[in-house]
Amino acid sequence: MSIDAKIVKELRDKTGAGMMDCKRALVELMGTL
């Protein structure tokens, strides 16, 4: 599954988590924020 970088950035801005942590979480959630 491909995760849009824009969604990863939005999650990072909201949580302060690392990029790979955010990407991993989004993959688990199938890209929903």
PDB file of N, CA and C in Angstrom:
ATOM      1  N   MET A   1       0.839  -1.182   0.000  1.00  0.00           N
ATOM      2  CA  MET A   1       0.000   0.000   0.000  1.00  0.00           C
ATOM      3  C   MET A   1       0.882   1.243   0.000  1.00  0.00           C
ATOM      4  N   SER A   2       0.544   2.186  -0.838  1.00  0.00           N
ATOM      5  CA  SER A   2       1.294   3.430  -0.929  1.00  0.00           C
ATOM      6  C   SER A   2       0.635   4.492  -0.046  1.00  0.00           C
ATOM      7  N   ILE A   3       1.429   5.112   0.791  1.00  0.00           N
ATOM      8  CA  ILE A   3       0.929   6.150   1.693  1.00  0.00           C
ATOM      9  C   ILE A   3       1.397   7.504   1.179  1.00  0.00           C
ATOM     10  N   ASP A   4       0.466   8.424   1.016  1.00  0.00           N
ATOM     11  CA  ASP A   4       0.762   9.762   0.519  1.00  0.00           C
ATOM     12  C   ASP A   4       1.608  10.528   1.544  1.00  0.00           C
ATOM     13  N   ALA A   5       2.687  11.129   1.089  1.00  0.00           N
ATOM     14  CA  ALA A   5       3.588  11.875   1.977  1.00  0.00           C
ATOM     15  C   ALA A   5       2.867  13.025   2.674  1.00  0.00           C
ATOM     16  N   LYS A   6       1.861  13.581   2.024  1.00  0.00           N
ATOM     17  CA  LYS A   6       1.089  14.679   2.615  1.00  0.00           C
ATOM     18  C   LYS A   6       0.386  14.219   3.894  1.00  0.00           C
ATOM     19  N   ILE A   7      -0.146  12.996   3.882  1.00  0.00           N
ATOM     20  CA  ILE A   7      -0.830  12.454   5.061  1.00  0.00           C
ATOM     21  C   ILE A   7       0.182  12.173   6.171  1.00  0.00           C
ATOM     22  N   VAL A   8       1.354  11.656   5.798  1.00  0.00           N
ATOM     23  CA  VAL A   8       2.409  11.400   6.791  1.00  0.00           C
ATOM     24  C   VAL A   8       2.808  12.714   7.461  1.00  0.00           C
ATOM     25  N   LYS A   9       2.987  13.774   6.665  1.00  0.00           N
ATOM     26  CA  LYS A   9       3.366  15.080   7.220  1.00  0.00           C
ATOM     27  C   LYS A   9       2.279  15.610   8.144  1.00  0.00           C
ATOM     28  N   GLU A  10       1.025  15.455   7.753  1.00  0.00           N
ATOM     29  CA  GLU A  10      -0.085  15.926   8.591  1.00  0.00           C
ATOM     30  C   GLU A  10      -0.076  15.217   9.949  1.00  0.00           C
ATOM     31  N   LEU A  11       0.142  13.901   9.934  1.00  0.00           N
ATOM     32  CA  LEU A  11       0.184  13.139  11.180  1.00  0.00           C
ATOM     33  C   LEU A  11       1.389  13.549  12.026  1.00  0.00           C
ATOM     34  N   ARG A  12       2.537  13.772  11.382  1.00  0.00           N
ATOM     35  CA  ARG A  12       3.737  14.213  12.110  1.00  0.00           C
ATOM     36  C   ARG A  12       3.496  15.563  12.766  1.00  0.00           C
ATOM     37  N   ASP A  13       2.841  16.470  12.038  1.00  0.00           N
ATOM     38  CA  ASP A  13       2.558  17.798  12.585  1.00  0.00           C
ATOM     39  C   ASP A  13       1.640  17.706  13.801  1.00  0.00           C
ATOM     40  N   LYS A  14       0.682  16.795  13.751  1.00  0.00           N
ATOM     41  CA  LYS A  14      -0.281  16.652  14.850  1.00  0.00           C
ATOM     42  C   LYS A  14       0.317  15.950  16.061  1.00  0.00           C
ATOM     43  N   THR A  15       1.214  14.982  15.832  1.00  0.00           N
ATOM     44  CA  THR A  15       1.680  14.139  16.934  1.00  0.00           C
ATOM     45  C   THR A  15       3.123  14.378  17.352  1.00  0.00           C
ATOM     46  N   GLY A  16       3.946  14.886  16.453  1.00  0.00           N
ATOM     47  CA  GLY A  16       5.363  15.054  16.755  1.00  0.00           C
ATOM     48  C   GLY A  16       6.139  13.746  16.670  1.00  0.00           C
ATOM     49  N   ALA A  17       5.498  12.693  16.183  1.00  0.00           N
ATOM     50  CA  ALA A  17       6.151  11.384  16.059  1.00  0.00           C
ATOM     51  C   ALA A  17       7.105  11.383  14.862  1.00  0.00           C
ATOM     52  N   GLY A  18       7.994  10.403  14.837  1.00  0.00           N
ATOM     53  CA  GLY A  18       8.942  10.275  13.739  1.00  0.00           C
ATOM     54  C   GLY A  18       8.268   9.853  12.441  1.00  0.00           C
ATOM     55  N   MET A  19       8.954  10.113  11.335  1.00  0.00           N
ATOM     56  CA  MET A  19       8.385   9.824  10.020  1.00  0.00           C
ATOM     57  C   MET A  19       8.045   8.344   9.849  1.00  0.00           C
ATOM     58  N   MET A  20       8.974   7.462  10.201  1.00  0.00           N
ATOM     59  CA  MET A  20       8.725   6.033  10.004  1.00  0.00           C
ATOM     60  C   MET A  20       7.629   5.524  10.935  1.00  0.00           C
ATOM     61  N   ASP A  21       7.556   6.069  12.145  1.00  0.00           N
ATOM     62  CA  ASP A  21       6.480   5.688  13.061  1.00  0.00           C
ATOM     63  C   ASP A  21       5.129   6.078  12.479  1.00  0.00           C
ATOM     64  N   CYS A  22       5.052   7.283  11.927  1.00  0.00           N
ATOM     65  CA  CYS A  22       3.802   7.750  11.326  1.00  0.00           C
ATOM     66  C   CYS A  22       3.435   6.899  10.119  1.00  0.00           C
ATOM     67  N   LYS A  23       4.420   6.615   9.279  1.00  0.00           N
ATOM     68  CA  LYS A  23       4.146   5.821   8.081  1.00  0.00           C
ATOM     69  C   LYS A  23       3.673   4.419   8.466  1.00  0.00           C
ATOM     70  N   ARG A  24       4.329   3.814   9.444  1.00  0.00           N
ATOM     71  CA  ARG A  24       3.946   2.473   9.908  1.00  0.00           C
ATOM     72  C   ARG A  24       2.517   2.474  10.441  1.00  0.00           C
ATOM     73  N   ALA A  25       2.177   3.501  11.223  1.00  0.00           N
ATOM     74  CA  ALA A  25       0.822   3.601  11.781  1.00  0.00           C
ATOM     75  C   ALA A  25      -0.210   3.771  10.673  1.00  0.00           C
ATOM     76  N   LEU A  26       0.109   4.587   9.677  1.00  0.00           N
ATOM     77  CA  LEU A  26      -0.826   4.801   8.572  1.00  0.00           C
ATOM     78  C   LEU A  26      -1.017   3.535   7.748  1.00  0.00           C
ATOM     79  N   VAL A  27       0.034   2.755   7.571  1.00  0.00           N
ATOM     80  CA  VAL A  27      -0.085   1.482   6.851  1.00  0.00           C
ATOM     81  C   VAL A  27      -1.034   0.561   7.615  1.00  0.00           C
ATOM     82  N   GLU A  28      -0.878   0.510   8.944  1.00  0.00           N
ATOM     83  CA  GLU A  28      -1.761  -0.330   9.760  1.00  0.00           C
ATOM     84  C   GLU A  28      -3.206   0.136   9.683  1.00  0.00           C
ATOM     85  N   LEU A  29      -3.398   1.460   9.570  1.00  0.00           N
ATOM     86  CA  LEU A  29      -4.751   2.023   9.519  1.00  0.00           C
ATOM     87  C   LEU A  29      -5.267   2.163   8.090  1.00  0.00           C
ATOM     88  N   MET A  30      -4.503   1.638   7.136  1.00  0.00           N
ATOM     89  CA  MET A  30      -4.854   1.693   5.716  1.00  0.00           C
ATOM     90  C   MET A  30      -5.036   3.125   5.214  1.00  0.00           C
ATOM     91  N   GLY A  31      -4.189   4.030   5.723  1.00  0.00           N
ATOM     92  CA  GLY A  31      -4.143   5.398   5.214  1.00  0.00           C
ATOM     93  C   GLY A  31      -5.186   6.343   5.766  1.00  0.00           C
ATOM     94  N   THR A  32      -6.011   5.903   6.706  1.00  0.00           N
ATOM     95  CA  THR A  32      -7.007   6.811   7.275  1.00  0.00           C
ATOM     96  C   THR A  32      -6.406   7.563   8.440  1.00  0.00           C
ATOM     97  N   LEU A  33      -6.795   8.802   8.561  1.00  0.00           N
ATOM     98  CA  LEU A  33      -6.240   9.641   9.618  1.00  0.00           C
ATOM     99  C   LEU A  33      -7.307  10.034  10.592  1.00  0.00           C
TER     100      LEU A  33
END
